[in-house]
Structures are given as structure tokens and as C-alpha cells.
């Protein structure tokens, strides 16, 4: 899955979307990464990875971080092109 857009779940860090750059054991490095803090319009991250969200205005996805290494990864799900576009199109959620 190196080079593919994925959603990952980490044991204590939450859920992230990005391009898988490296994987070593339960440690992954993602590029162009967003933390998926809250999603609506999908019942689970599995559905989100396959279908995307149908309610992008109700999601809370952070700004894009150029590169991040995440420890304690317990799940990696490849995203369809449709789902990746849906996630990328969600407006940035941040404090002002």
C-alpha cells in the first residue's frame, strides 16, 4: 500500500487520512495527512474509506500536515479514489 491513500487508526492517537510513505511494525509515516476528528455521513472508517462522506459540511477534519509519523497503528484501510476526493474536499476544521 506504499504510495496509496489510506485511513489509519492508531491505538491512542486517533484516525488519520494520508498517503502511506513508510510502514515499520506498528509505526507508519503519512504524507499530506489530515486527522479525522469527527465524521458524519459514514457509519465507520471502513465505509468512509470506500464511499467517502455524504455529509462533508458536518465533518471535522484538520488541516493538512506535510508529513507525520504515527505510532501504535492498529488498522490501515486503503481508500478508493471516490472516498479520497470526498475526504480531501471537506473544509478545514480549526480554531480561529
PDB file of N, CA and C in Angstrom:
ATOM      1  N   UNK A   1       0.803  -1.206   0.000  1.00  0.00           N
ATOM      2  CA  UNK A   1       0.000   0.000   0.000  1.00  0.00           C
ATOM      3  C   UNK A   1       0.847   1.273   0.000  1.00  0.00           C
ATOM      4  N   UNK A   2       2.163   1.132  -0.024  1.00  0.00           N
ATOM      5  CA  UNK A   2       3.031   2.311  -0.070  1.00  0.00           C
ATOM      6  C   UNK A   2       2.649   3.157  -1.289  1.00  0.00           C
ATOM      7  N   UNK A   3       2.498   4.464  -1.058  1.00  0.00           N
ATOM      8  CA  UNK A   3       2.125   5.370  -2.135  1.00  0.00           C
ATOM      9  C   UNK A   3       0.630   5.525  -2.324  1.00  0.00           C
ATOM     10  N   UNK A   4      -0.161   4.745  -1.603  1.00  0.00           N
ATOM     11  CA  UNK A   4      -1.621   4.789  -1.718  1.00  0.00           C
ATOM     12  C   UNK A   4      -2.219   5.676  -0.626  1.00  0.00           C
ATOM     13  N   UNK A   5      -3.392   6.219  -0.905  1.00  0.00           N
ATOM     14  CA  UNK A   5      -4.119   6.990   0.103  1.00  0.00           C
ATOM     15  C   UNK A   5      -4.844   6.007   1.009  1.00  0.00           C
ATOM     16  N   UNK A   6      -4.686   6.230   2.318  1.00  0.00           N
ATOM     17  CA  UNK A   6      -5.217   5.297   3.310  1.00  0.00           C
ATOM     18  C   UNK A   6      -5.842   6.064   4.476  1.00  0.00           C
ATOM     19  N   UNK A   7      -6.668   5.345   5.214  1.00  0.00           N
ATOM     20  CA  UNK A   7      -7.109   5.797   6.529  1.00  0.00           C
ATOM     21  C   UNK A   7      -6.475   4.847   7.528  1.00  0.00           C
ATOM     22  N   UNK A   8      -5.879   5.412   8.573  1.00  0.00           N
ATOM     23  CA  UNK A   8      -5.302   4.564   9.613  1.00  0.00           C
ATOM     24  C   UNK A   8      -5.931   4.910  10.953  1.00  0.00           C
ATOM     25  N   UNK A   9      -6.012   3.888  11.793  1.00  0.00           N
ATOM     26  CA  UNK A   9      -6.447   4.075  13.176  1.00  0.00           C
ATOM     27  C   UNK A   9      -5.261   3.730  14.056  1.00  0.00           C
ATOM     28  N   UNK A  10      -4.928   4.657  14.942  1.00  0.00           N
ATOM     29  CA  UNK A  10      -3.843   4.424  15.896  1.00  0.00           C
ATOM     30  C   UNK A  10      -4.444   4.139  17.259  1.00  0.00           C
ATOM     31  N   UNK A  11      -3.745   3.344  18.044  1.00  0.00           N
ATOM     32  CA  UNK A  11      -4.231   2.917  19.350  1.00  0.00           C
ATOM     33  C   UNK A  11      -4.621   4.091  20.243  1.00  0.00           C
ATOM     34  N   UNK A  12      -3.809   5.127  20.298  1.00  0.00           N
ATOM     35  CA  UNK A  12      -4.085   6.247  21.193  1.00  0.00           C
ATOM     36  C   UNK A  12      -4.140   7.604  20.509  1.00  0.00           C
ATOM     37  N   UNK A  13      -3.789   7.648  19.230  1.00  0.00           N
ATOM     38  CA  UNK A  13      -3.687   8.948  18.552  1.00  0.00           C
ATOM     39  C   UNK A  13      -4.901   9.298  17.704  1.00  0.00           C
ATOM     40  N   UNK A  14      -5.760   8.333  17.416  1.00  0.00           N
ATOM     41  CA  UNK A  14      -6.956   8.624  16.644  1.00  0.00           C
ATOM     42  C   UNK A  14      -6.903   8.085  15.228  1.00  0.00           C
ATOM     43  N   UNK A  15      -7.642   8.767  14.342  1.00  0.00           N
ATOM     44  CA  UNK A  15      -7.817   8.331  12.961  1.00  0.00           C
ATOM     45  C   UNK A  15      -7.226   9.384  12.031  1.00  0.00           C
ATOM     46  N   UNK A  16      -6.500   8.930  11.002  1.00  0.00           N
ATOM     47  CA  UNK A  16      -5.807   9.824  10.082  1.00  0.00           C
ATOM     48  C   UNK A  16      -6.036   9.382   8.642  1.00  0.00           C
ATOM     49  N   UNK A  17      -5.964  10.347   7.719  1.00  0.00           N
ATOM     50  CA  UNK A  17      -6.033  10.097   6.287  1.00  0.00           C
ATOM     51  C   UNK A  17      -4.780  10.685   5.650  1.00  0.00           C
ATOM     52  N   UNK A  18      -4.159   9.959   4.754  1.00  0.00           N
ATOM     53  CA  UNK A  18      -2.993  10.488   4.049  1.00  0.00           C
ATOM     54  C   UNK A  18      -2.421   9.460   3.103  1.00  0.00           C
ATOM     55  N   UNK A  19      -1.287   9.787   2.534  1.00  0.00           N
ATOM     56  CA  UNK A  19      -0.590   8.879   1.626  1.00  0.00           C
ATOM     57  C   UNK A  19       0.461   8.113   2.416  1.00  0.00           C
ATOM     58  N   UNK A  20       0.386   6.800   2.349  1.00  0.00           N
ATOM     59  CA  UNK A  20       1.310   5.951   3.102  1.00  0.00           C
ATOM     60  C   UNK A  20       2.704   6.028   2.482  1.00  0.00           C
ATOM     61  N   UNK A  21       3.635   6.553   3.260  1.00  0.00           N
ATOM     62  CA  UNK A  21       5.023   6.680   2.789  1.00  0.00           C
ATOM     63  C   UNK A  21       5.871   5.501   3.262  1.00  0.00           C
ATOM     64  N   UNK A  22       5.745   5.141   4.546  1.00  0.00           N
ATOM     65  CA  UNK A  22       6.538   4.047   5.121  1.00  0.00           C
ATOM     66  C   UNK A  22       5.726   3.327   6.178  1.00  0.00           C
ATOM     67  N   UNK A  23       6.051   2.033   6.356  1.00  0.00           N
ATOM     68  CA  UNK A  23       5.460   1.251   7.436  1.00  0.00           C
ATOM     69  C   UNK A  23       6.537   0.363   8.014  1.00  0.00           C
ATOM     70  N   UNK A  24       6.643   0.368   9.346  1.00  0.00           N
ATOM     71  CA  UNK A  24       7.585  -0.495  10.040  1.00  0.00           C
ATOM     72  C   UNK A  24       6.914  -0.963  11.324  1.00  0.00           C
ATOM     73  N   UNK A  25       6.525  -2.217  11.351  1.00  0.00           N
ATOM     74  CA  UNK A  25       5.787  -2.715  12.510  1.00  0.00           C
ATOM     75  C   UNK A  25       4.483  -1.955  12.653  1.00  0.00           C
ATOM     76  N   UNK A  26       4.256  -1.392  13.849  1.00  0.00           N
ATOM     77  CA  UNK A  26       3.020  -0.633  14.064  1.00  0.00           C
ATOM     78  C   UNK A  26       3.270   0.877  13.964  1.00  0.00           C
ATOM     79  N   UNK A  27       4.293   1.249  13.229  1.00  0.00           N
ATOM     80  CA  UNK A  27       4.630   2.658  13.005  1.00  0.00           C
ATOM     81  C   UNK A  27       4.484   2.967  11.519  1.00  0.00           C
ATOM     82  N   UNK A  28       3.758   4.047  11.210  1.00  0.00           N
ATOM     83  CA  UNK A  28       3.627   4.451   9.811  1.00  0.00           C
ATOM     84  C   UNK A  28       3.977   5.922   9.662  1.00  0.00           C
ATOM     85  N   UNK A  29       4.448   6.260   8.472  1.00  0.00           N
ATOM     86  CA  UNK A  29       4.666   7.650   8.101  1.00  0.00           C
ATOM     87  C   UNK A  29       3.703   7.966   6.965  1.00  0.00           C
ATOM     88  N   UNK A  30       2.936   9.034   7.152  1.00  0.00           N
ATOM     89  CA  UNK A  30       1.997   9.507   6.139  1.00  0.00           C
ATOM     90  C   UNK A  30       2.443  10.872   5.644  1.00  0.00           C
ATOM     91  N   UNK A  31       2.191  11.141   4.370  1.00  0.00           N
ATOM     92  CA  UNK A  31       2.384  12.481   3.832  1.00  0.00           C
ATOM     93  C   UNK A  31       1.012  13.052   3.505  1.00  0.00           C
ATOM     94  N   UNK A  32       0.952  14.381   3.447  1.00  0.00           N
ATOM     95  CA  UNK A  32      -0.313  15.086   3.161  1.00  0.00           C
ATOM     96  C   UNK A  32      -1.440  14.520   4.021  1.00  0.00           C
ATOM     97  N   UNK A  33      -1.216  14.568   5.314  1.00  0.00           N
ATOM     98  CA  UNK A  33      -2.055  13.899   6.302  1.00  0.00           C
ATOM     99  C   UNK A  33      -3.066  14.838   6.952  1.00  0.00           C
ATOM    100  N   UNK A  34      -4.273  14.329   7.165  1.00  0.00           N
ATOM    101  CA  UNK A  34      -5.306  15.032   7.936  1.00  0.00           C
ATOM    102  C   UNK A  34      -5.772  14.122   9.065  1.00  0.00           C
ATOM    103  N   UNK A  35      -5.978  14.693  10.239  1.00  0.00           N
ATOM    104  CA  UNK A  35      -6.592  13.944  11.341  1.00  0.00           C
ATOM    105  C   UNK A  35      -8.100  14.009  11.124  1.00  0.00           C
ATOM    106  N   UNK A  36      -8.756  12.857  11.181  1.00  0.00           N
ATOM    107  CA  UNK A  36     -10.206  12.784  11.023  1.00  0.00           C
ATOM    108  C   UNK A  36     -10.805  12.751  12.420  1.00  0.00           C
ATOM    109  N   UNK A  37     -11.130  13.940  12.922  1.00  0.00           N
ATOM    110  CA  UNK A  37     -11.571  14.063  14.298  1.00  0.00           C
ATOM    111  C   UNK A  37     -13.023  13.642  14.474  1.00  0.00           C
ATOM    112  N   UNK A  38     -13.859  13.988  13.502  1.00  0.00           N
ATOM    113  CA  UNK A  38     -15.277  13.628  13.562  1.00  0.00           C
ATOM    114  C   UNK A  38     -15.790  13.510  12.141  1.00  0.00           C
ATOM    115  N   UNK A  39     -16.511  12.459  11.837  1.00  0.00           N
ATOM    116  CA  UNK A  39     -17.091  12.311  10.503  1.00  0.00           C
ATOM    117  C   UNK A  39     -18.571  12.014  10.629  1.00  0.00           C
ATOM    118  N   UNK A  40     -19.291  12.454   9.622  1.00  0.00           N
ATOM    119  CA  UNK A  40     -20.725  12.226   9.546  1.00  0.00           C
ATOM    120  C   UNK A  40     -21.014  11.810   8.113  1.00  0.00           C
ATOM    121  N   UNK A  41     -21.977  10.971   7.926  1.00  0.00           N
ATOM    122  CA  UNK A  41     -22.287  10.519   6.583  1.00  0.00           C
ATOM    123  C   UNK A  41     -21.615   9.201   6.238  1.00  0.00           C
ATOM    124  N   UNK A  42     -21.007   8.563   7.232  1.00  0.00           N
ATOM    125  CA  UNK A  42     -20.442   7.214   7.093  1.00  0.00           C
ATOM    126  C   UNK A  42     -20.526   6.565   8.475  1.00  0.00           C
ATOM    127  N   UNK A  43     -20.910   5.307   8.509  1.00  0.00           N
ATOM    128  CA  UNK A  43     -21.103   4.621   9.785  1.00  0.00           C
ATOM    129  C   UNK A  43     -19.791   4.250  10.468  1.00  0.00           C
ATOM    130  N   UNK A  44     -18.727   4.100   9.682  1.00  0.00           N
ATOM    131  CA  UNK A  44     -17.443   3.656  10.225  1.00  0.00           C
ATOM    132  C   UNK A  44     -16.323   4.155   9.324  1.00  0.00           C
ATOM    133  N   UNK A  45     -15.086   3.978   9.778  1.00  0.00           N
ATOM    134  CA  UNK A  45     -13.970   4.372   8.903  1.00  0.00           C
ATOM    135  C   UNK A  45     -13.855   3.435   7.711  1.00  0.00           C
ATOM    136  N   UNK A  46     -14.369   2.213   7.832  1.00  0.00           N
ATOM    137  CA  UNK A  46     -14.383   1.309   6.685  1.00  0.00           C
ATOM    138  C   UNK A  46     -15.268   1.877   5.582  1.00  0.00           C
ATOM    139  N   UNK A  47     -16.463   2.314   5.941  1.00  0.00           N
ATOM    140  CA  UNK A  47     -17.360   2.920   4.961  1.00  0.00           C
ATOM    141  C   UNK A  47     -16.761   4.226   4.429  1.00  0.00           C
ATOM    142  N   UNK A  48     -16.154   4.997   5.312  1.00  0.00           N
ATOM    143  CA  UNK A  48     -15.529   6.249   4.898  1.00  0.00           C
ATOM    144  C   UNK A  48     -14.426   5.996   3.865  1.00  0.00           C
ATOM    145  N   UNK A  49     -13.646   4.929   4.041  1.00  0.00           N
ATOM    146  CA  UNK A  49     -12.555   4.601   3.125  1.00  0.00           C
ATOM    147  C   UNK A  49     -13.053   4.108   1.766  1.00  0.00           C
ATOM    148  N   UNK A  50     -14.235   3.537   1.737  1.00  0.00           N
ATOM    149  CA  UNK A  50     -14.777   3.004   0.489  1.00  0.00           C
ATOM    150  C   UNK A  50     -15.678   4.011  -0.225  1.00  0.00           C
ATOM    151  N   UNK A  51     -16.572   4.656   0.536  1.00  0.00           N
ATOM    152  CA  UNK A  51     -17.579   5.528  -0.073  1.00  0.00           C
ATOM    153  C   UNK A  51     -17.351   7.009   0.161  1.00  0.00           C
ATOM    154  N   UNK A  52     -16.537   7.363   1.129  1.00  0.00           N
ATOM    155  CA  UNK A  52     -16.375   8.764   1.494  1.00  0.00           C
ATOM    156  C   UNK A  52     -17.541   9.225   2.348  1.00  0.00           C
ATOM    157  N   UNK A  53     -17.646  10.527   2.542  1.00  0.00           N
ATOM    158  CA  UNK A  53     -18.735  11.078   3.339  1.00  0.00           C
ATOM    159  C   UNK A  53     -19.779  11.712   2.434  1.00  0.00           C
ATOM    160  N   UNK A  54     -21.026  11.539   2.802  1.00  0.00           N
ATOM    161  CA  UNK A  54     -22.108  12.197   2.060  1.00  0.00           C
ATOM    162  C   UNK A  54     -22.547  13.480   2.769  1.00  0.00           C
ATOM    163  N   UNK A  55     -21.908  13.767   3.912  1.00  0.00           N
ATOM    164  CA  UNK A  55     -22.232  14.982   4.668  1.00  0.00           C
ATOM    165  C   UNK A  55     -20.948  15.736   5.021  1.00  0.00           C
ATOM    166  N   UNK A  56     -20.238  16.233   4.021  1.00  0.00           N
ATOM    167  CA  UNK A  56     -18.948  16.880   4.276  1.00  0.00           C
ATOM    168  C   UNK A  56     -19.034  18.113   5.164  1.00  0.00           C
ATOM    169  N   UNK A  57     -20.145  18.810   5.154  1.00  0.00           N
ATOM    170  CA  UNK A  57     -20.282  20.013   5.982  1.00  0.00           C
ATOM    171  C   UNK A  57     -20.397  19.696   7.467  1.00  0.00           C
ATOM    172  N   UNK A  58     -20.648  18.436   7.795  1.00  0.00           N
ATOM    173  CA  UNK A  58     -20.784  18.026   9.191  1.00  0.00           C
ATOM    174  C   UNK A  58     -19.541  17.310   9.724  1.00  0.00           C
ATOM    175  N   UNK A  59     -18.477  17.248   8.916  1.00  0.00           N
ATOM    176  CA  UNK A  59     -17.244  16.568   9.333  1.00  0.00           C
ATOM    177  C   UNK A  59     -16.261  17.560   9.951  1.00  0.00           C
ATOM    178  N   UNK A  60     -15.385  17.048  10.778  1.00  0.00           N
ATOM    179  CA  UNK A  60     -14.318  17.844  11.376  1.00  0.00           C
ATOM    180  C   UNK A  60     -12.987  17.171  11.055  1.00  0.00           C
ATOM    181  N   UNK A  61     -12.356  17.642   9.973  1.00  0.00           N
ATOM    182  CA  UNK A  61     -11.061  17.145   9.516  1.00  0.00           C
ATOM    183  C   UNK A  61     -10.073  18.298   9.584  1.00  0.00           C
ATOM    184  N   UNK A  62      -8.906  18.047  10.157  1.00  0.00           N
ATOM    185  CA  UNK A  62      -7.920  19.108  10.359  1.00  0.00           C
ATOM    186  C   UNK A  62      -7.261  19.538   9.056  1.00  0.00           C
ATOM    187  N   UNK A  63      -6.408  20.546   9.181  1.00  0.00           N
ATOM    188  CA  UNK A  63      -5.605  20.984   8.043  1.00  0.00           C
ATOM    189  C   UNK A  63      -4.617  19.891   7.673  1.00  0.00           C
ATOM    190  N   UNK A  64      -4.000  20.033   6.516  1.00  0.00           N
ATOM    191  CA  UNK A  64      -3.052  19.036   6.015  1.00  0.00           C
ATOM    192  C   UNK A  64      -1.684  19.263   6.651  1.00  0.00           C
ATOM    193  N   UNK A  65      -1.108  18.201   7.193  1.00  0.00           N
ATOM    194  CA  UNK A  65       0.254  18.203   7.722  1.00  0.00           C
ATOM    195  C   UNK A  65       1.128  17.551   6.645  1.00  0.00           C
ATOM    196  N   UNK A  66       2.225  18.190   6.241  1.00  0.00           N
ATOM    197  CA  UNK A  66       3.033  17.637   5.144  1.00  0.00           C
ATOM    198  C   UNK A  66       3.556  16.224   5.395  1.00  0.00           C
ATOM    199  N   UNK A  67       3.984  15.925   6.627  1.00  0.00           N
ATOM    200  CA  UNK A  67       4.492  14.586   6.944  1.00  0.00           C
ATOM    201  C   UNK A  67       4.319  14.340   8.438  1.00  0.00           C
ATOM    202  N   UNK A  68       3.975  13.106   8.784  1.00  0.00           N
ATOM    203  CA  UNK A  68       3.775  12.744  10.188  1.00  0.00           C
ATOM    204  C   UNK A  68       4.112  11.265  10.365  1.00  0.00           C
ATOM    205  N   UNK A  69       4.695  10.929  11.500  1.00  0.00           N
ATOM    206  CA  UNK A  69       4.924   9.540  11.867  1.00  0.00           C
ATOM    207  C   UNK A  69       3.999   9.224  13.030  1.00  0.00           C
ATOM    208  N   UNK A  70       3.255   8.140  12.899  1.00  0.00           N
ATOM    209  CA  UNK A  70       2.254   7.762  13.890  1.00  0.00           C
ATOM    210  C   UNK A  70       2.626   6.397  14.454  1.00  0.00           C
ATOM    211  N   UNK A  71       2.661   6.311  15.769  1.00  0.00           N
ATOM    212  CA  UNK A  71       2.980   5.059  16.459  1.00  0.00           C
ATOM    213  C   UNK A  71       1.698   4.366  16.888  1.00  0.00           C
ATOM    214  N   UNK A  72       1.760   3.070  17.100  1.00  0.00           N
ATOM    215  CA  UNK A  72       0.623   2.324  17.622  1.00  0.00           C
ATOM    216  C   UNK A  72      -0.506   2.145  16.622  1.00  0.00           C
ATOM    217  N   UNK A  73      -0.169   2.003  15.362  1.00  0.00           N
ATOM    218  CA  UNK A  73      -1.194   1.834  14.329  1.00  0.00           C
ATOM    219  C   UNK A  73      -1.781   0.430  14.435  1.00  0.00           C
ATOM    220  N   UNK A  74      -3.111   0.363  14.486  1.00  0.00           N
ATOM    221  CA  UNK A  74      -3.779  -0.931  14.615  1.00  0.00           C
ATOM    222  C   UNK A  74      -4.640  -1.272  13.401  1.00  0.00           C
ATOM    223  N   UNK A  75      -4.779  -0.317  12.474  1.00  0.00           N
ATOM    224  CA  UNK A  75      -5.609  -0.567  11.298  1.00  0.00           C
ATOM    225  C   UNK A  75      -5.167   0.340  10.153  1.00  0.00           C
ATOM    226  N   UNK A  76      -5.049  -0.224   8.962  1.00  0.00           N
ATOM    227  CA  UNK A  76      -4.747   0.538   7.753  1.00  0.00           C
ATOM    228  C   UNK A  76      -5.756   0.111   6.697  1.00  0.00           C
ATOM    229  N   UNK A  77      -6.523   1.082   6.187  1.00  0.00           N
ATOM    230  CA  UNK A  77      -7.547   0.781   5.188  1.00  0.00           C
ATOM    231  C   UNK A  77      -7.252   1.594   3.927  1.00  0.00           C
ATOM    232  N   UNK A  78      -7.080   0.941   2.780  1.00  0.00           N
ATOM    233  CA  UNK A  78      -6.876   1.703   1.548  1.00  0.00           C
ATOM    234  C   UNK A  78      -8.159   2.435   1.154  1.00  0.00           C
ATOM    235  N   UNK A  79      -8.000   3.618   0.592  1.00  0.00           N
ATOM    236  CA  UNK A  79      -9.148   4.424   0.170  1.00  0.00           C
ATOM    237  C   UNK A  79      -9.384   4.290  -1.327  1.00  0.00           C
ATOM    238  N   UNK A  80     -10.647   4.299  -1.701  1.00  0.00           N
ATOM    239  CA  UNK A  80     -10.980   4.389  -3.113  1.00  0.00           C
ATOM    240  C   UNK A  80     -10.724   5.826  -3.566  1.00  0.00           C
ATOM    241  N   UNK A  81     -10.625   6.024  -4.864  1.00  0.00           N
ATOM    242  CA  UNK A  81     -10.451   7.381  -5.386  1.00  0.00           C
ATOM    243  C   UNK A  81     -11.615   8.270  -4.991  1.00  0.00           C
ATOM    244  N   UNK A  82     -12.830   7.727  -5.052  1.00  0.00           N
ATOM    245  CA  UNK A  82     -14.038   8.477  -4.683  1.00  0.00           C
ATOM    246  C   UNK A  82     -13.969   8.931  -3.223  1.00  0.00           C
ATOM    247  N   UNK A  83     -13.585   8.023  -2.342  1.00  0.00           N
ATOM    248  CA  UNK A  83     -13.507   8.347  -0.915  1.00  0.00           C
ATOM    249  C   UNK A  83     -12.420   9.379  -0.649  1.00  0.00           C
ATOM    250  N   UNK A  84     -11.255   9.209  -1.270  1.00  0.00           N
ATOM    251  CA  UNK A  84     -10.141  10.144  -1.067  1.00  0.00           C
ATOM    252  C   UNK A  84     -10.548  11.556  -1.484  1.00  0.00           C
ATOM    253  N   UNK A  85     -11.207  11.682  -2.637  1.00  0.00           N
ATOM    254  CA  UNK A  85     -11.653  13.006  -3.088  1.00  0.00           C
ATOM    255  C   UNK A  85     -12.651  13.602  -2.103  1.00  0.00           C
ATOM    256  N   UNK A  86     -13.556  12.778  -1.612  1.00  0.00           N
ATOM    257  CA  UNK A  86     -14.555  13.228  -0.649  1.00  0.00           C
ATOM    258  C   UNK A  86     -13.896  13.778   0.617  1.00  0.00           C
ATOM    259  N   UNK A  87     -12.892  13.074   1.122  1.00  0.00           N
ATOM    260  CA  UNK A  87     -12.185  13.496   2.337  1.00  0.00           C
ATOM    261  C   UNK A  87     -11.385  14.768   2.065  1.00  0.00           C
ATOM    262  N   UNK A  88     -10.700  14.799   0.939  1.00  0.00           N
ATOM    263  CA  UNK A  88      -9.890  15.969   0.596  1.00  0.00           C
ATOM    264  C   UNK A  88     -10.747  17.219   0.392  1.00  0.00           C
ATOM    265  N   UNK A  89     -11.981  17.046  -0.029  1.00  0.00           N
ATOM    266  CA  UNK A  89     -12.874  18.179  -0.294  1.00  0.00           C
ATOM    267  C   UNK A  89     -13.540  18.752   0.960  1.00  0.00           C
ATOM    268  N   UNK A  90     -13.421  18.064   2.099  1.00  0.00           N
ATOM    269  CA  UNK A  90     -14.005  18.579   3.340  1.00  0.00           C
ATOM    270  C   UNK A  90     -13.220  19.816   3.773  1.00  0.00           C
ATOM    271  N   UNK A  91     -13.946  20.873   4.117  1.00  0.00           N
ATOM    272  CA  UNK A  91     -13.303  22.122   4.559  1.00  0.00           C
ATOM    273  C   UNK A  91     -12.479  21.874   5.824  1.00  0.00           C
ATOM    274  N   UNK A  92     -11.403  22.623   5.961  1.00  0.00           N
ATOM    275  CA  UNK A  92     -10.525  22.501   7.134  1.00  0.00           C
ATOM    276  C   UNK A  92     -11.264  22.953   8.384  1.00  0.00           C
ATOM    277  N   UNK A  93     -11.175  22.120   9.410  1.00  0.00           N
ATOM    278  CA  UNK A  93     -11.744  22.450  10.719  1.00  0.00           C
ATOM    279  C   UNK A  93     -10.595  22.876  11.625  1.00  0.00           C
ATOM    280  N   UNK A  94     -10.688  24.088  12.178  1.00  0.00           N
ATOM    281  CA  UNK A  94      -9.641  24.565  13.085  1.00  0.00           C
ATOM    282  C   UNK A  94     -10.193  25.681  13.950  1.00  0.00           C
ATOM    283  N   UNK A  95      -9.512  25.952  15.032  1.00  0.00           N
ATOM    284  CA  UNK A  95      -9.846  27.069  15.916  1.00  0.00           C
ATOM    285  C   UNK A  95      -9.360  28.337  15.271  1.00  0.00           C
ATOM    286  N   UNK A  96     -10.083  29.383  15.430  1.00  0.00           N
ATOM    287  CA  UNK A  96      -9.681  30.670  14.843  1.00  0.00           C
ATOM    288  C   UNK A  96      -9.275  31.640  15.928  1.00  0.00           C
TER     289      UNK A  96
END
